[in-house]
Amino acid sequence: MKKRNQILYLAIALILFIVMDRNLWMEDRAKRLFLWESGTGLGDPISYDYDFKIHGSEITFEKEKDSLDWPEIAENRKHKFYFVGCYFGNLYMYDKTRKKMVLYIEK
């Protein structure tokens, strides 16, 4: 019974840490310059405040790319994106339209 309680306390502490990290520090880690690695191309490089904003769990792209020079990127930025996280210098997003993960790495 004692071992079970320890595991339960550890699981609760881990969940609390993940929730606190997501709400307090995650957005600060995303305020960097990122280069495209895989998934939907959204421009290269992208940066917080200049290209995108995080609103809760949604990522919205503020500035539109020129549709004449970059038609595919301009179209991709209109998709809906879910902010998965920013861990170890990697920015993870989920493209809800294409149902694919997007990975950007810190420059």
C-alpha atoms as a PDB file:
ATOM      1  CA  MET A   1       0.000   0.000   0.000  1.00  0.00           C
ATOM      2  CA  LYS A   2       2.880   2.363   0.809  1.00  0.00           C
ATOM      3  CA  LYS A   3       4.445   1.828  -2.642  1.00  0.00           C
ATOM      4  CA  ARG A   4       1.090   2.526  -4.306  1.00  0.00           C
ATOM      5  CA  ASN A   5       0.728   5.835  -2.429  1.00  0.00           C
ATOM      6  CA  GLN A   6       4.245   6.863  -3.448  1.00  0.00           C
ATOM      7  CA  ILE A   7       3.460   6.183  -7.101  1.00  0.00           C
ATOM      8  CA  LEU A   8       0.204   8.122  -6.811  1.00  0.00           C
ATOM      9  CA  TYR A   9       1.979  11.144  -5.243  1.00  0.00           C
ATOM     10  CA  LEU A  10       4.674  11.007  -7.906  1.00  0.00           C
ATOM     11  CA  ALA A  11       2.067  10.906 -10.701  1.00  0.00           C
ATOM     12  CA  ILE A  12       0.175  13.865  -9.209  1.00  0.00           C
ATOM     13  CA  ALA A  13       3.420  15.847  -8.824  1.00  0.00           C
ATOM     14  CA  LEU A  14       4.381  15.087 -12.434  1.00  0.00           C
ATOM     15  CA  ILE A  15       0.987  16.184 -13.757  1.00  0.00           C
ATOM     16  CA  LEU A  16       1.149  19.400 -11.706  1.00  0.00           C
ATOM     17  CA  PHE A  17       4.644  20.120 -13.015  1.00  0.00           C
ATOM     18  CA  ILE A  18       3.549  19.605 -16.639  1.00  0.00           C
ATOM     19  CA  VAL A  19       0.542  21.910 -16.187  1.00  0.00           C
ATOM     20  CA  MET A  20       2.667  24.585 -14.475  1.00  0.00           C
ATOM     21  CA  ASP A  21       5.342  24.321 -17.159  1.00  0.00           C
ATOM     22  CA  ARG A  22       2.781  24.678 -19.927  1.00  0.00           C
ATOM     23  CA  ASN A  23       1.131  27.732 -18.357  1.00  0.00           C
ATOM     24  CA  LEU A  24       4.168  29.537 -16.915  1.00  0.00           C
ATOM     25  CA  TRP A  25       7.320  28.832 -18.904  1.00  0.00           C
ATOM     26  CA  MET A  26       6.429  27.209 -22.239  1.00  0.00           C
ATOM     27  CA  GLU A  27       5.563  30.418 -24.075  1.00  0.00           C
ATOM     28  CA  ASP A  28       8.838  32.032 -22.939  1.00  0.00           C
ATOM     29  CA  ARG A  29      10.804  29.159 -24.449  1.00  0.00           C
ATOM     30  CA  ALA A  30       8.978  29.698 -27.765  1.00  0.00           C
ATOM     31  CA  LYS A  31      10.177  33.322 -28.000  1.00  0.00           C
ATOM     32  CA  ARG A  32      13.129  32.470 -30.215  1.00  0.00           C
ATOM     33  CA  LEU A  33      14.087  32.096 -33.850  1.00  0.00           C
ATOM     34  CA  PHE A  34      13.305  28.688 -35.381  1.00  0.00           C
ATOM     35  CA  LEU A  35      14.304  26.938 -38.597  1.00  0.00           C
ATOM     36  CA  TRP A  36      12.105  24.461 -40.457  1.00  0.00           C
ATOM     37  CA  GLU A  37      12.930  20.789 -39.898  1.00  0.00           C
ATOM     38  CA  SER A  38       9.897  18.751 -41.001  1.00  0.00           C
ATOM     39  CA  GLY A  39       6.171  18.905 -41.646  1.00  0.00           C
ATOM     40  CA  THR A  40       4.174  21.741 -43.153  1.00  0.00           C
ATOM     41  CA  GLY A  41       6.409  24.574 -44.385  1.00  0.00           C
ATOM     42  CA  LEU A  42       5.448  27.898 -42.782  1.00  0.00           C
ATOM     43  CA  GLY A  43       8.459  29.941 -43.765  1.00  0.00           C
ATOM     44  CA  ASP A  44      12.093  29.707 -42.816  1.00  0.00           C
ATOM     45  CA  PRO A  45      13.012  31.115 -40.332  1.00  0.00           C
ATOM     46  CA  ILE A  46      10.027  31.943 -38.134  1.00  0.00           C
ATOM     47  CA  SER A  47      10.020  33.794 -34.842  1.00  0.00           C
ATOM     48  CA  TYR A  48       7.593  34.599 -32.060  1.00  0.00           C
ATOM     49  CA  ASP A  49       5.990  38.068 -32.286  1.00  0.00           C
ATOM     50  CA  TYR A  50       7.181  38.567 -35.871  1.00  0.00           C
ATOM     51  CA  ASP A  51       5.560  35.532 -37.510  1.00  0.00           C
ATOM     52  CA  PHE A  52       3.299  33.837 -34.965  1.00  0.00           C
ATOM     53  CA  LYS A  53       1.528  34.276 -31.637  1.00  0.00           C
ATOM     54  CA  ILE A  54       0.419  31.684 -29.122  1.00  0.00           C
ATOM     55  CA  HIS A  55      -3.112  32.052 -27.757  1.00  0.00           C
ATOM     56  CA  GLY A  56      -3.673  29.290 -25.212  1.00  0.00           C
ATOM     57  CA  SER A  57      -3.162  26.156 -27.272  1.00  0.00           C
ATOM     58  CA  GLU A  58      -3.637  27.772 -30.671  1.00  0.00           C
ATOM     59  CA  ILE A  59      -0.905  29.222 -32.865  1.00  0.00           C
ATOM     60  CA  THR A  60      -1.913  31.987 -35.236  1.00  0.00           C
ATOM     61  CA  PHE A  61       0.286  33.489 -37.909  1.00  0.00           C
ATOM     62  CA  GLU A  62       0.129  37.263 -37.801  1.00  0.00           C
ATOM     63  CA  LYS A  63       1.972  38.306 -40.934  1.00  0.00           C
ATOM     64  CA  GLU A  64       1.015  36.882 -44.289  1.00  0.00           C
ATOM     65  CA  LYS A  65       3.754  35.877 -46.690  1.00  0.00           C
ATOM     66  CA  ASP A  66       3.616  37.300 -50.181  1.00  0.00           C
ATOM     67  CA  SER A  67       1.377  34.948 -52.141  1.00  0.00           C
ATOM     68  CA  LEU A  68       3.193  35.753 -55.407  1.00  0.00           C
ATOM     69  CA  ASP A  69       6.662  34.821 -54.145  1.00  0.00           C
ATOM     70  CA  TRP A  70       5.650  32.087 -51.683  1.00  0.00           C
ATOM     71  CA  PRO A  71       2.187  30.799 -52.645  1.00  0.00           C
ATOM     72  CA  GLU A  72       2.486  27.458 -50.806  1.00  0.00           C
ATOM     73  CA  ILE A  73       3.702  29.063 -47.559  1.00  0.00           C
ATOM     74  CA  ALA A  74       1.002  31.745 -47.745  1.00  0.00           C
ATOM     75  CA  GLU A  75      -1.636  29.017 -48.094  1.00  0.00           C
ATOM     76  CA  ASN A  76      -0.127  26.876 -45.314  1.00  0.00           C
ATOM     77  CA  ARG A  77      -0.252  29.785 -42.845  1.00  0.00           C
ATOM     78  CA  LYS A  78      -4.033  29.853 -43.181  1.00  0.00           C
ATOM     79  CA  HIS A  79      -4.285  26.375 -41.587  1.00  0.00           C
ATOM     80  CA  LYS A  80      -5.219  25.847 -37.941  1.00  0.00           C
ATOM     81  CA  PHE A  81      -2.299  24.926 -35.684  1.00  0.00           C
ATOM     82  CA  TYR A  82      -2.203  23.478 -32.179  1.00  0.00           C
ATOM     83  CA  PHE A  83       0.769  24.403 -29.966  1.00  0.00           C
ATOM     84  CA  VAL A  84       2.143  21.075 -28.737  1.00  0.00           C
ATOM     85  CA  GLY A  85       5.179  22.439 -26.957  1.00  0.00           C
ATOM     86  CA  CYS A  86       8.685  23.783 -27.008  1.00  0.00           C
ATOM     87  CA  TYR A  87      11.163  21.296 -25.585  1.00  0.00           C
ATOM     88  CA  PHE A  88      14.972  21.100 -25.845  1.00  0.00           C
ATOM     89  CA  GLY A  89      15.161  23.785 -28.545  1.00  0.00           C
ATOM     90  CA  ASN A  90      12.437  22.253 -30.703  1.00  0.00           C
ATOM     91  CA  LEU A  91       9.085  23.876 -31.458  1.00  0.00           C
ATOM     92  CA  TYR A  92       6.303  21.338 -31.997  1.00  0.00           C
ATOM     93  CA  MET A  93       3.017  22.230 -33.685  1.00  0.00           C
ATOM     94  CA  TYR A  94       0.168  20.093 -34.943  1.00  0.00           C
ATOM     95  CA  ASP A  95      -1.366  21.071 -38.280  1.00  0.00           C
ATOM     96  CA  LYS A  96      -5.068  20.367 -37.737  1.00  0.00           C
ATOM     97  CA  THR A  97      -5.863  20.739 -41.438  1.00  0.00           C
ATOM     98  CA  ARG A  98      -3.334  18.182 -42.708  1.00  0.00           C
ATOM     99  CA  LYS A  99      -3.256  16.186 -39.459  1.00  0.00           C
ATOM    100  CA  LYS A 100       0.558  16.235 -39.334  1.00  0.00           C
ATOM    101  CA  MET A 101       3.192  17.299 -36.828  1.00  0.00           C
ATOM    102  CA  VAL A 102       5.352  20.286 -37.696  1.00  0.00           C
ATOM    103  CA  LEU A 103       8.851  20.550 -36.252  1.00  0.00           C
ATOM    104  CA  TYR A 104      11.019  23.656 -36.110  1.00  0.00           C
ATOM    105  CA  ILE A 105      14.445  23.700 -34.455  1.00  0.00           C
ATOM    106  CA  GLU A 106      16.043  26.605 -32.614  1.00  0.00           C
ATOM    107  CA  LYS A 107      18.624  28.522 -34.588  1.00  0.00           C
END
